[in-house]
Each structure stands twice: as C-alpha cells, then as structure tokens.
C-alpha cells in the first residue's frame, strides 16, 4: 500500500521562446533549448512549453503575450543583434506597450567596449532597450540582454546566451528541484504497461515515463521516475523494481 502523499512543494514554471527564421528553416540547429531545459531542471524550474517563431513582429508579440501570463518566467533567445532583421527588442516593447530607445546604461557598456570610432549606428541598435527593463549583463560580447516583467530576453548565439542565462538564473526565484531515477527493464513496453499503470495510480505525485529502446537486438524499456520528494521517489522506484523482478522471475 502506498504511503500518504506529502503536501505540495513550490513549483516554478517557465517557457522557452526561440525567435529566428534561421531556426525554422533548419539552417541553424538550435542548441539553446536543451541547455536551458537542463539548467532549469537543476535549479528547480519546470519548463512547460517551447515555442519557435519567425522574425515577424506580430508572431513574436502574440507568443510573448500568451506565454508571459501562463508561466512564471519566459526565456527568449535570438533577435537582439545589430542587423535590420533583429526585431526582438522592438517586438518586446510592443508586447508590453512601452516605448523603446537607446538606454544610457547599455550605451555606456558599448562605448567602453568598442574602440573610438567603432561604435557605429548598427552596433548602437543593440543599446535599444524597452522602457522599464533591467539589463542582463553579457560577459562575452558585452551587448546586454534585458528582463521586462517576467520575460528574459537573451542572445541566440549559444556561448553568449549561456553567459546571460547565468546572470538570469542568479536572480530569479526557483522552486524545489526535480529528482529523477531510471529503472532499466529487459522487456518491451507492452508487457509491463498494465502493471506500470497500477504503480502510477499508487504514486500520482511521481511522474513515471516509459521509454522503449533496442538492447542487443531485443526490445527493452527505460522507466524514468521524476519527483520532488526524495522519499516518494524512492518508494515508487522500489515498486517498479519489485514489479520487474517478479515478472522476470515468473518468466525464468
């Protein structure tokens, strides 16, 4: 008989918004989604949704406004560079209904970074920040990102995004970290489905996922259990292990 379910623990949710025609066309392979998702899992933030939108203002505005009211955080990547097609900052300003202009803080950062005469009009575009936003420092190439409300706007280049995300993660509230356990099973999903479903019913607070694979030419399965309560995770994992052992013995 399963133990009583413990009280709920704090959960912080987030979405990832990837902006860029180059991602949708396949020309650029996204490397940021997996990085952000893994990082968030490790700090206790649940990624609940990922959207990829083109460099089209109305698409960006619609996605931002949908996601920011649904989740605690929105992590946006791409479209804050110096070229004409980098329209993320303007789109964010429109989504929040605020003006955008050259931010003195961002201008000062870029002025210090570039040699005399090198801070041209294109580079100054990277200093355009929506009113009321906080800057996200960029230790790699200096041009800052920004946080507006619960939306964190970062570069698309992975090395720059990762540096920016370190800055964001240090400031945002997080929840209880999700723990995981994997139980390998030397048989296919179809043989364990009903018994696994019964265990899930006993442990509704533990996420139990079944992932088929081939092992030495035969069907096998990885059972992945995820929970925030270590004791409950242990109990559920033990139930799965006992189920597998009993089935293996019955088939021996």
C-alpha atoms as a PDB file:
ATOM      1  CA  UNK A   1       0.000   0.000   0.000  1.00  0.00           C
ATOM      2  CA  UNK A   2       1.447   3.391  -0.979  1.00  0.00           C
ATOM      3  CA  UNK A   3       2.331   5.905   1.700  1.00  0.00           C
ATOM      4  CA  UNK A   4       0.220   9.095   2.084  1.00  0.00           C
ATOM      5  CA  UNK A   5       1.044  11.785  -0.462  1.00  0.00           C
ATOM      6  CA  UNK A   6       3.075  14.618   1.119  1.00  0.00           C
ATOM      7  CA  UNK A   7       1.998  18.240   0.899  1.00  0.00           C
ATOM      8  CA  UNK A   8       2.710  20.031  -2.358  1.00  0.00           C
ATOM      9  CA  UNK A   9       6.069  21.754  -2.704  1.00  0.00           C
ATOM     10  CA  UNK A  10       6.714  25.060  -4.511  1.00  0.00           C
ATOM     11  CA  UNK A  11       6.712  24.789  -8.300  1.00  0.00           C
ATOM     12  CA  UNK A  12       8.149  27.484 -10.569  1.00  0.00           C
ATOM     13  CA  UNK A  13       7.199  27.234 -14.242  1.00  0.00           C
ATOM     14  CA  UNK A  14       8.733  28.627 -17.415  1.00  0.00           C
ATOM     15  CA  UNK A  15       8.548  28.601 -21.195  1.00  0.00           C
ATOM     16  CA  UNK A  16      11.277  28.954 -23.794  1.00  0.00           C
ATOM     17  CA  UNK A  17      10.650  31.236 -26.762  1.00  0.00           C
ATOM     18  CA  UNK A  18      13.081  30.800 -29.656  1.00  0.00           C
ATOM     19  CA  UNK A  19      12.985  33.587 -32.227  1.00  0.00           C
ATOM     20  CA  UNK A  20      14.501  33.295 -35.684  1.00  0.00           C
ATOM     21  CA  UNK A  21      13.790  32.366 -39.284  1.00  0.00           C
ATOM     22  CA  UNK A  22      17.105  30.519 -39.375  1.00  0.00           C
ATOM     23  CA  UNK A  23      15.894  28.014 -36.780  1.00  0.00           C
ATOM     24  CA  UNK A  24      12.632  27.321 -38.586  1.00  0.00           C
ATOM     25  CA  UNK A  25      14.384  26.899 -41.935  1.00  0.00           C
ATOM     26  CA  UNK A  26      16.853  24.405 -40.479  1.00  0.00           C
ATOM     27  CA  UNK A  27      19.870  26.476 -41.499  1.00  0.00           C
ATOM     28  CA  UNK A  28      20.795  26.893 -37.843  1.00  0.00           C
ATOM     29  CA  UNK A  29      20.393  23.981 -35.434  1.00  0.00           C
ATOM     30  CA  UNK A  30      19.131  25.196 -32.070  1.00  0.00           C
ATOM     31  CA  UNK A  31      21.443  24.424 -29.150  1.00  0.00           C
ATOM     32  CA  UNK A  32      19.751  26.589 -26.542  1.00  0.00           C
ATOM     33  CA  UNK A  33      16.559  24.678 -25.767  1.00  0.00           C
ATOM     34  CA  UNK A  34      18.294  21.635 -24.320  1.00  0.00           C
ATOM     35  CA  UNK A  35      20.779  23.762 -22.403  1.00  0.00           C
ATOM     36  CA  UNK A  36      18.096  25.923 -20.796  1.00  0.00           C
ATOM     37  CA  UNK A  37      15.869  22.926 -20.025  1.00  0.00           C
ATOM     38  CA  UNK A  38      18.663  21.014 -18.295  1.00  0.00           C
ATOM     39  CA  UNK A  39      19.830  24.103 -16.416  1.00  0.00           C
ATOM     40  CA  UNK A  40      16.297  24.779 -15.229  1.00  0.00           C
ATOM     41  CA  UNK A  41      15.787  21.202 -14.074  1.00  0.00           C
ATOM     42  CA  UNK A  42      18.914  21.551 -11.949  1.00  0.00           C
ATOM     43  CA  UNK A  43      17.746  24.766 -10.265  1.00  0.00           C
ATOM     44  CA  UNK A  44      14.113  23.815  -9.705  1.00  0.00           C
ATOM     45  CA  UNK A  45      12.328  25.487 -12.630  1.00  0.00           C
ATOM     46  CA  UNK A  46       9.910  23.430 -14.718  1.00  0.00           C
ATOM     47  CA  UNK A  47       9.991  24.091 -18.460  1.00  0.00           C
ATOM     48  CA  UNK A  48       6.391  23.536 -19.540  1.00  0.00           C
ATOM     49  CA  UNK A  49       6.422  24.787 -23.121  1.00  0.00           C
ATOM     50  CA  UNK A  50       8.742  25.656 -26.013  1.00  0.00           C
ATOM     51  CA  UNK A  51       7.744  27.836 -28.958  1.00  0.00           C
ATOM     52  CA  UNK A  52       9.728  28.735 -32.059  1.00  0.00           C
ATOM     53  CA  UNK A  53       8.548  31.765 -34.017  1.00  0.00           C
ATOM     54  CA  UNK A  54       9.856  33.599 -37.101  1.00  0.00           C
ATOM     55  CA  UNK A  55      11.291  37.105 -37.232  1.00  0.00           C
ATOM     56  CA  UNK A  56       7.809  38.548 -37.620  1.00  0.00           C
ATOM     57  CA  UNK A  57       6.670  41.186 -35.144  1.00  0.00           C
ATOM     58  CA  UNK A  58       3.069  40.064 -34.765  1.00  0.00           C
ATOM     59  CA  UNK A  59       4.165  36.449 -34.226  1.00  0.00           C
ATOM     60  CA  UNK A  60       6.638  37.451 -31.528  1.00  0.00           C
ATOM     61  CA  UNK A  61       4.154  39.756 -29.789  1.00  0.00           C
ATOM     62  CA  UNK A  62       1.439  37.089 -29.786  1.00  0.00           C
ATOM     63  CA  UNK A  63       3.765  34.443 -28.395  1.00  0.00           C
ATOM     64  CA  UNK A  64       5.184  36.695 -25.672  1.00  0.00           C
ATOM     65  CA  UNK A  65       1.752  37.813 -24.500  1.00  0.00           C
ATOM     66  CA  UNK A  66       0.451  34.239 -24.449  1.00  0.00           C
ATOM     67  CA  UNK A  67       3.408  32.806 -22.549  1.00  0.00           C
ATOM     68  CA  UNK A  68       4.066  35.531 -20.012  1.00  0.00           C
ATOM     69  CA  UNK A  69       0.615  35.249 -18.445  1.00  0.00           C
ATOM     70  CA  UNK A  70       0.761  31.450 -18.358  1.00  0.00           C
ATOM     71  CA  UNK A  71       4.150  30.867 -16.742  1.00  0.00           C
ATOM     72  CA  UNK A  72       6.354  32.364 -14.023  1.00  0.00           C
ATOM     73  CA  UNK A  73       9.193  33.012 -16.483  1.00  0.00           C
ATOM     74  CA  UNK A  74       9.709  33.237 -20.231  1.00  0.00           C
ATOM     75  CA  UNK A  75      13.235  32.707 -21.548  1.00  0.00           C
ATOM     76  CA  UNK A  76      13.617  34.230 -25.008  1.00  0.00           C
ATOM     77  CA  UNK A  77      16.600  33.662 -27.307  1.00  0.00           C
ATOM     78  CA  UNK A  78      17.537  35.330 -30.586  1.00  0.00           C
ATOM     79  CA  UNK A  79      16.990  38.557 -32.457  1.00  0.00           C
ATOM     80  CA  UNK A  80      18.804  41.194 -30.394  1.00  0.00           C
ATOM     81  CA  UNK A  81      21.771  41.774 -32.685  1.00  0.00           C
ATOM     82  CA  UNK A  82      22.772  44.809 -34.796  1.00  0.00           C
ATOM     83  CA  UNK A  83      21.123  43.984 -38.130  1.00  0.00           C
ATOM     84  CA  UNK A  84      17.780  45.065 -39.610  1.00  0.00           C
ATOM     85  CA  UNK A  85      16.167  41.653 -39.056  1.00  0.00           C
ATOM     86  CA  UNK A  86      16.884  41.685 -35.311  1.00  0.00           C
ATOM     87  CA  UNK A  87      13.464  42.897 -34.207  1.00  0.00           C
ATOM     88  CA  UNK A  88      13.051  41.155 -30.854  1.00  0.00           C
ATOM     89  CA  UNK A  89      13.627  44.229 -28.681  1.00  0.00           C
ATOM     90  CA  UNK A  90      11.056  46.286 -30.611  1.00  0.00           C
ATOM     91  CA  UNK A  91       8.599  43.397 -30.516  1.00  0.00           C
ATOM     92  CA  UNK A  92       9.012  43.020 -26.750  1.00  0.00           C
ATOM     93  CA  UNK A  93       8.337  46.718 -26.273  1.00  0.00           C
ATOM     94  CA  UNK A  94       5.176  46.400 -28.352  1.00  0.00           C
ATOM     95  CA  UNK A  95       4.049  43.328 -26.402  1.00  0.00           C
ATOM     96  CA  UNK A  96       4.348  45.229 -23.123  1.00  0.00           C
ATOM     97  CA  UNK A  97       3.039  48.503 -24.533  1.00  0.00           C
ATOM     98  CA  UNK A  98       6.131  50.531 -23.599  1.00  0.00           C
ATOM     99  CA  UNK A  99       8.443  52.801 -25.637  1.00  0.00           C
ATOM    100  CA  UNK A 100      11.919  51.754 -26.712  1.00  0.00           C
ATOM    101  CA  UNK A 101      15.020  53.894 -27.135  1.00  0.00           C
ATOM    102  CA  UNK A 102      18.766  53.898 -26.613  1.00  0.00           C
ATOM    103  CA  UNK A 103      19.303  53.035 -22.956  1.00  0.00           C
ATOM    104  CA  UNK A 104      22.079  55.129 -21.347  1.00  0.00           C
ATOM    105  CA  UNK A 105      23.297  52.101 -19.379  1.00  0.00           C
ATOM    106  CA  UNK A 106      23.598  49.976 -22.500  1.00  0.00           C
ATOM    107  CA  UNK A 107      25.205  52.820 -24.457  1.00  0.00           C
ATOM    108  CA  UNK A 108      27.806  53.214 -21.714  1.00  0.00           C
ATOM    109  CA  UNK A 109      28.623  49.484 -21.833  1.00  0.00           C
ATOM    110  CA  UNK A 110      29.078  49.530 -25.601  1.00  0.00           C
ATOM    111  CA  UNK A 111      31.032  52.778 -25.559  1.00  0.00           C
ATOM    112  CA  UNK A 112      33.502  51.275 -23.118  1.00  0.00           C
ATOM    113  CA  UNK A 113      33.754  48.075 -25.124  1.00  0.00           C
ATOM    114  CA  UNK A 114      34.370  49.445 -28.621  1.00  0.00           C
ATOM    115  CA  UNK A 115      37.426  51.409 -29.682  1.00  0.00           C
ATOM    116  CA  UNK A 116      36.978  55.060 -30.600  1.00  0.00           C
ATOM    117  CA  UNK A 117      35.005  55.409 -33.812  1.00  0.00           C
ATOM    118  CA  UNK A 118      33.910  51.745 -33.839  1.00  0.00           C
ATOM    119  CA  UNK A 119      30.518  52.220 -32.161  1.00  0.00           C
ATOM    120  CA  UNK A 120      28.582  52.750 -35.369  1.00  0.00           C
ATOM    121  CA  UNK A 121      24.837  53.101 -35.875  1.00  0.00           C
ATOM    122  CA  UNK A 122      24.325  49.378 -36.367  1.00  0.00           C
ATOM    123  CA  UNK A 123      26.064  48.494 -33.122  1.00  0.00           C
ATOM    124  CA  UNK A 124      24.120  51.186 -31.302  1.00  0.00           C
ATOM    125  CA  UNK A 125      20.948  49.298 -32.219  1.00  0.00           C
ATOM    126  CA  UNK A 126      21.996  46.790 -29.562  1.00  0.00           C
ATOM    127  CA  UNK A 127      21.614  49.536 -26.948  1.00  0.00           C
ATOM    128  CA  UNK A 128      17.913  49.979 -27.709  1.00  0.00           C
ATOM    129  CA  UNK A 129      16.102  48.668 -24.627  1.00  0.00           C
ATOM    130  CA  UNK A 130      12.374  48.839 -23.786  1.00  0.00           C
ATOM    131  CA  UNK A 131      11.476  51.319 -21.049  1.00  0.00           C
ATOM    132  CA  UNK A 132      11.442  49.823 -17.578  1.00  0.00           C
ATOM    133  CA  UNK A 133      13.627  46.834 -18.412  1.00  0.00           C
ATOM    134  CA  UNK A 134      16.555  45.623 -16.336  1.00  0.00           C
ATOM    135  CA  UNK A 135      19.734  44.787 -18.208  1.00  0.00           C
ATOM    136  CA  UNK A 136      21.136  41.267 -18.445  1.00  0.00           C
ATOM    137  CA  UNK A 137      24.909  41.583 -18.473  1.00  0.00           C
ATOM    138  CA  UNK A 138      26.856  39.888 -21.246  1.00  0.00           C
ATOM    139  CA  UNK A 139      30.403  38.906 -20.314  1.00  0.00           C
ATOM    140  CA  UNK A 140      31.169  37.519 -23.771  1.00  0.00           C
ATOM    141  CA  UNK A 141      30.370  40.254 -26.305  1.00  0.00           C
ATOM    142  CA  UNK A 142      29.122  42.969 -23.909  1.00  0.00           C
ATOM    143  CA  UNK A 143      25.865  43.885 -25.723  1.00  0.00           C
ATOM    144  CA  UNK A 144      23.299  43.307 -22.980  1.00  0.00           C
ATOM    145  CA  UNK A 145      20.040  41.432 -22.965  1.00  0.00           C
ATOM    146  CA  UNK A 146      17.176  42.593 -20.786  1.00  0.00           C
ATOM    147  CA  UNK A 147      14.406  41.476 -18.460  1.00  0.00           C
ATOM    148  CA  UNK A 148      10.985  43.048 -18.906  1.00  0.00           C
ATOM    149  CA  UNK A 149       8.435  41.830 -16.411  1.00  0.00           C
ATOM    150  CA  UNK A 150       8.895  38.066 -16.271  1.00  0.00           C
ATOM    151  CA  UNK A 151      10.383  37.843 -19.782  1.00  0.00           C
ATOM    152  CA  UNK A 152      14.154  37.399 -20.040  1.00  0.00           C
ATOM    153  CA  UNK A 153      15.480  38.348 -23.476  1.00  0.00           C
ATOM    154  CA  UNK A 154      18.828  36.858 -24.443  1.00  0.00           C
ATOM    155  CA  UNK A 155      21.042  36.413 -27.485  1.00  0.00           C
ATOM    156  CA  UNK A 156      20.743  33.422 -29.790  1.00  0.00           C
ATOM    157  CA  UNK A 157      24.470  32.616 -30.038  1.00  0.00           C
ATOM    158  CA  UNK A 158      24.867  29.744 -27.551  1.00  0.00           C
ATOM    159  CA  UNK A 159      28.034  30.955 -25.808  1.00  0.00           C
ATOM    160  CA  UNK A 160      26.526  34.403 -25.287  1.00  0.00           C
ATOM    161  CA  UNK A 161      23.142  33.047 -24.254  1.00  0.00           C
ATOM    162  CA  UNK A 162      24.762  30.780 -21.694  1.00  0.00           C
ATOM    163  CA  UNK A 163      26.643  33.679 -20.127  1.00  0.00           C
ATOM    164  CA  UNK A 164      23.431  35.702 -19.998  1.00  0.00           C
ATOM    165  CA  UNK A 165      21.498  32.799 -18.527  1.00  0.00           C
ATOM    166  CA  UNK A 166      23.957  32.571 -15.650  1.00  0.00           C
ATOM    167  CA  UNK A 167      23.069  36.178 -14.853  1.00  0.00           C
ATOM    168  CA  UNK A 168      19.331  35.477 -15.060  1.00  0.00           C
ATOM    169  CA  UNK A 169      19.444  32.283 -13.009  1.00  0.00           C
ATOM    170  CA  UNK A 170      21.271  34.031 -10.180  1.00  0.00           C
ATOM    171  CA  UNK A 171      18.374  36.482  -9.729  1.00  0.00           C
ATOM    172  CA  UNK A 172      15.128  34.625 -10.325  1.00  0.00           C
ATOM    173  CA  UNK A 173      13.172  32.738  -7.648  1.00  0.00           C
ATOM    174  CA  UNK A 174      13.272  28.984  -8.100  1.00  0.00           C
ATOM    175  CA  UNK A 175      11.318  26.035  -6.756  1.00  0.00           C
ATOM    176  CA  UNK A 176      12.163  22.641  -5.324  1.00  0.00           C
ATOM    177  CA  UNK A 177      14.498  20.687  -7.601  1.00  0.00           C
ATOM    178  CA  UNK A 178      13.039  17.789  -9.569  1.00  0.00           C
ATOM    179  CA  UNK A 179      14.785  14.490  -8.848  1.00  0.00           C
ATOM    180  CA  UNK A 180      14.871  11.525 -11.213  1.00  0.00           C
ATOM    181  CA  UNK A 181      15.590   7.818 -11.217  1.00  0.00           C
ATOM    182  CA  UNK A 182      15.903   5.395 -14.146  1.00  0.00           C
ATOM    183  CA  UNK A 183      14.983   1.725 -13.875  1.00  0.00           C
ATOM    184  CA  UNK A 184      16.149  -0.348 -16.878  1.00  0.00           C
ATOM    185  CA  UNK A 185      13.790  -3.138 -17.904  1.00  0.00           C
ATOM    186  CA  UNK A 186      14.824  -6.014 -20.167  1.00  0.00           C
ATOM    187  CA  UNK A 187      11.450  -6.326 -21.876  1.00  0.00           C
ATOM    188  CA  UNK A 188       9.152  -4.318 -24.125  1.00  0.00           C
ATOM    189  CA  UNK A 189       6.588  -1.753 -23.016  1.00  0.00           C
ATOM    190  CA  UNK A 190       3.622  -3.907 -23.903  1.00  0.00           C
ATOM    191  CA  UNK A 191       4.492  -6.490 -21.257  1.00  0.00           C
ATOM    192  CA  UNK A 192       4.763  -4.011 -18.401  1.00  0.00           C
ATOM    193  CA  UNK A 193       2.148  -1.412 -19.333  1.00  0.00           C
ATOM    194  CA  UNK A 194      -0.733  -2.543 -17.125  1.00  0.00           C
ATOM    195  CA  UNK A 195       1.357  -3.184 -14.023  1.00  0.00           C
ATOM    196  CA  UNK A 196       3.208   0.111 -14.529  1.00  0.00           C
ATOM    197  CA  UNK A 197      -0.119   1.919 -14.788  1.00  0.00           C
ATOM    198  CA  UNK A 198      -1.139   0.458 -11.434  1.00  0.00           C
ATOM    199  CA  UNK A 199       2.036   1.785  -9.823  1.00  0.00           C
ATOM    200  CA  UNK A 200       1.409   5.214 -11.324  1.00  0.00           C
ATOM    201  CA  UNK A 201      -2.062   5.178  -9.764  1.00  0.00           C
ATOM    202  CA  UNK A 202      -0.475   4.494  -6.359  1.00  0.00           C
ATOM    203  CA  UNK A 203       2.017   7.325  -6.802  1.00  0.00           C
ATOM    204  CA  UNK A 204       0.191  10.190  -8.585  1.00  0.00           C
ATOM    205  CA  UNK A 205       2.772  12.691  -7.293  1.00  0.00           C
ATOM    206  CA  UNK A 206       5.572  10.835  -9.106  1.00  0.00           C
ATOM    207  CA  UNK A 207       5.869  11.204 -12.875  1.00  0.00           C
ATOM    208  CA  UNK A 208       6.538   7.764 -14.376  1.00  0.00           C
ATOM    209  CA  UNK A 209       7.544   7.662 -18.023  1.00  0.00           C
ATOM    210  CA  UNK A 210       8.187   4.632 -20.230  1.00  0.00           C
ATOM    211  CA  UNK A 211      10.799   4.908 -22.995  1.00  0.00           C
ATOM    212  CA  UNK A 212      11.287   1.980 -25.401  1.00  0.00           C
ATOM    213  CA  UNK A 213      14.660   1.092 -26.869  1.00  0.00           C
ATOM    214  CA  UNK A 214      16.528  -1.740 -28.562  1.00  0.00           C
ATOM    215  CA  UNK A 215      19.104  -3.626 -26.496  1.00  0.00           C
ATOM    216  CA  UNK A 216      21.239  -6.323 -28.139  1.00  0.00           C
ATOM    217  CA  UNK A 217      18.647  -6.693 -30.849  1.00  0.00           C
ATOM    218  CA  UNK A 218      15.714  -7.122 -28.464  1.00  0.00           C
ATOM    219  CA  UNK A 219      13.039  -4.800 -27.143  1.00  0.00           C
ATOM    220  CA  UNK A 220      13.803  -3.151 -23.794  1.00  0.00           C
ATOM    221  CA  UNK A 221      12.479  -0.204 -21.806  1.00  0.00           C
ATOM    222  CA  UNK A 222      13.792   2.546 -19.561  1.00  0.00           C
ATOM    223  CA  UNK A 223      11.360   3.554 -16.825  1.00  0.00           C
ATOM    224  CA  UNK A 224      12.106   7.136 -15.760  1.00  0.00           C
ATOM    225  CA  UNK A 225      10.609   8.347 -12.481  1.00  0.00           C
ATOM    226  CA  UNK A 226      10.600  12.033 -11.520  1.00  0.00           C
ATOM    227  CA  UNK A 227       9.511  13.678  -8.267  1.00  0.00           C
ATOM    228  CA  UNK A 228      10.458  16.473  -5.919  1.00  0.00           C
ATOM    229  CA  UNK A 229      10.109  14.379  -2.767  1.00  0.00           C
ATOM    230  CA  UNK A 230      13.090  12.010  -2.431  1.00  0.00           C
ATOM    231  CA  UNK A 231      11.271   9.577  -0.156  1.00  0.00           C
ATOM    232  CA  UNK A 232       8.317   9.253  -2.523  1.00  0.00           C
ATOM    233  CA  UNK A 233      10.680   8.802  -5.466  1.00  0.00           C
ATOM    234  CA  UNK A 234      12.474   6.003  -3.623  1.00  0.00           C
ATOM    235  CA  UNK A 235       9.206   4.237  -2.815  1.00  0.00           C
ATOM    236  CA  UNK A 236       7.937   4.448  -6.377  1.00  0.00           C
ATOM    237  CA  UNK A 237      11.269   3.260  -7.779  1.00  0.00           C
ATOM    238  CA  UNK A 238      11.243   0.320  -5.364  1.00  0.00           C
ATOM    239  CA  UNK A 239       7.731  -0.586  -6.509  1.00  0.00           C
ATOM    240  CA  UNK A 240       8.859  -0.582 -10.142  1.00  0.00           C
ATOM    241  CA  UNK A 241      11.969  -2.628  -9.340  1.00  0.00           C
ATOM    242  CA  UNK A 242       9.892  -5.187  -7.417  1.00  0.00           C
ATOM    243  CA  UNK A 243       7.416  -5.402 -10.283  1.00  0.00           C
ATOM    244  CA  UNK A 244      10.210  -6.018 -12.788  1.00  0.00           C
ATOM    245  CA  UNK A 245      11.908  -8.618 -10.569  1.00  0.00           C
ATOM    246  CA  UNK A 246       8.657 -10.525 -10.119  1.00  0.00           C
ATOM    247  CA  UNK A 247       7.965 -10.544 -13.854  1.00  0.00           C
ATOM    248  CA  UNK A 248      11.496 -11.687 -14.676  1.00  0.00           C
ATOM    249  CA  UNK A 249      11.239 -14.488 -12.133  1.00  0.00           C
ATOM    250  CA  UNK A 250       7.869 -15.584 -13.486  1.00  0.00           C
ATOM    251  CA  UNK A 251       9.358 -15.784 -16.991  1.00  0.00           C
ATOM    252  CA  UNK A 252      12.515 -17.637 -15.966  1.00  0.00           C
END
